[in-house]
Structures are given as structure tokens and as C-alpha cells.
């Protein structure tokens, strides 16, 4: 598998967001909704998490 610059940046951003989300979610109260979407630029599924009050 070849890793392009866009793929590397997307993977890095995803890894950073995984580390930041638990800290943000712990500070806010509300329901967390996880949605899976297909990202055409990455060519794979991506998880989007929202906090709803």
C-alpha cells in the first residue's frame, strides 16, 4: 500500500482527534452520536462523532 501525502495527513488528523475527543466529551454533558460516512477523498469509511445536548 502506498501512502500519499493526503492519506498521511488524514491519518495523522484522525489519530489526533481520537486522543482529543475523550477529553472534550468528559467536559461536556450530553449524548454522543457516532456516524459512519464514506469519504471519497480517503477512499474509506470515516467516523464522525457529535455531542448533542
C-alpha atoms as a PDB file:
ATOM      1  CA  UNK A   1       0.000   0.000   0.000  1.00  0.00           C
ATOM      2  CA  UNK A   2       1.400   3.377  -0.969  1.00  0.00           C
ATOM      3  CA  UNK A   3       0.730   6.260   1.359  1.00  0.00           C
ATOM      4  CA  UNK A   4       0.127   9.613  -0.267  1.00  0.00           C
ATOM      5  CA  UNK A   5       0.603  12.948   1.428  1.00  0.00           C
ATOM      6  CA  UNK A   6      -3.170  13.399   1.704  1.00  0.00           C
ATOM      7  CA  UNK A   7      -3.563   9.965   3.272  1.00  0.00           C
ATOM      8  CA  UNK A   8      -0.781  10.620   5.762  1.00  0.00           C
ATOM      9  CA  UNK A   9      -2.288  13.962   6.810  1.00  0.00           C
ATOM     10  CA  UNK A  10      -5.755  12.412   7.134  1.00  0.00           C
ATOM     11  CA  UNK A  11      -4.409   9.557   9.241  1.00  0.00           C
ATOM     12  CA  UNK A  12      -2.496  11.935  11.478  1.00  0.00           C
ATOM     13  CA  UNK A  13      -5.552  14.143  11.943  1.00  0.00           C
ATOM     14  CA  UNK A  14      -7.683  11.106  12.783  1.00  0.00           C
ATOM     15  CA  UNK A  15      -5.169   9.899  15.357  1.00  0.00           C
ATOM     16  CA  UNK A  16      -5.029  13.326  16.996  1.00  0.00           C
ATOM     17  CA  UNK A  17      -8.810  13.626  17.097  1.00  0.00           C
ATOM     18  CA  UNK A  18      -9.110  10.189  18.731  1.00  0.00           C
ATOM     19  CA  UNK A  19      -6.867  11.422  21.531  1.00  0.00           C
ATOM     20  CA  UNK A  20      -8.708  14.747  21.924  1.00  0.00           C
ATOM     21  CA  UNK A  21     -12.327  13.513  21.776  1.00  0.00           C
ATOM     22  CA  UNK A  22     -12.401  11.736  25.177  1.00  0.00           C
ATOM     23  CA  UNK A  23     -11.106  14.874  26.904  1.00  0.00           C
ATOM     24  CA  UNK A  24     -13.682  17.085  25.195  1.00  0.00           C
ATOM     25  CA  UNK A  25     -16.515  14.625  25.819  1.00  0.00           C
ATOM     26  CA  UNK A  26     -15.653  14.354  29.509  1.00  0.00           C
ATOM     27  CA  UNK A  27     -16.023  18.128  29.939  1.00  0.00           C
ATOM     28  CA  UNK A  28     -19.403  18.410  28.222  1.00  0.00           C
ATOM     29  CA  UNK A  29     -22.630  16.716  29.122  1.00  0.00           C
ATOM     30  CA  UNK A  30     -24.972  15.302  26.527  1.00  0.00           C
ATOM     31  CA  UNK A  31     -25.460  12.426  24.164  1.00  0.00           C
ATOM     32  CA  UNK A  32     -22.678  11.333  21.853  1.00  0.00           C
ATOM     33  CA  UNK A  33     -23.752  10.262  18.369  1.00  0.00           C
ATOM     34  CA  UNK A  34     -21.329   8.288  16.199  1.00  0.00           C
ATOM     35  CA  UNK A  35     -21.952   8.317  12.437  1.00  0.00           C
ATOM     36  CA  UNK A  36     -20.014   6.399   9.797  1.00  0.00           C
ATOM     37  CA  UNK A  37     -19.662   8.101   6.409  1.00  0.00           C
ATOM     38  CA  UNK A  38     -17.813   7.181   3.229  1.00  0.00           C
ATOM     39  CA  UNK A  39     -15.072   9.714   2.474  1.00  0.00           C
ATOM     40  CA  UNK A  40     -14.333   9.731  -1.264  1.00  0.00           C
ATOM     41  CA  UNK A  41     -11.023  11.579  -0.857  1.00  0.00           C
ATOM     42  CA  UNK A  42      -9.725   8.903   1.544  1.00  0.00           C
ATOM     43  CA  UNK A  43     -11.447   6.035  -0.233  1.00  0.00           C
ATOM     44  CA  UNK A  44     -12.691   4.526   3.029  1.00  0.00           C
ATOM     45  CA  UNK A  45     -15.200   4.878   5.844  1.00  0.00           C
ATOM     46  CA  UNK A  46     -14.701   7.600   8.426  1.00  0.00           C
ATOM     47  CA  UNK A  47     -16.277   8.026  11.862  1.00  0.00           C
ATOM     48  CA  UNK A  48     -17.814  11.378  12.852  1.00  0.00           C
ATOM     49  CA  UNK A  49     -18.749  11.915  16.469  1.00  0.00           C
ATOM     50  CA  UNK A  50     -21.159  14.664  17.587  1.00  0.00           C
ATOM     51  CA  UNK A  51     -22.166  15.726  21.075  1.00  0.00           C
ATOM     52  CA  UNK A  52     -25.856  16.665  21.315  1.00  0.00           C
ATOM     53  CA  UNK A  53     -27.066  18.458  24.457  1.00  0.00           C
END
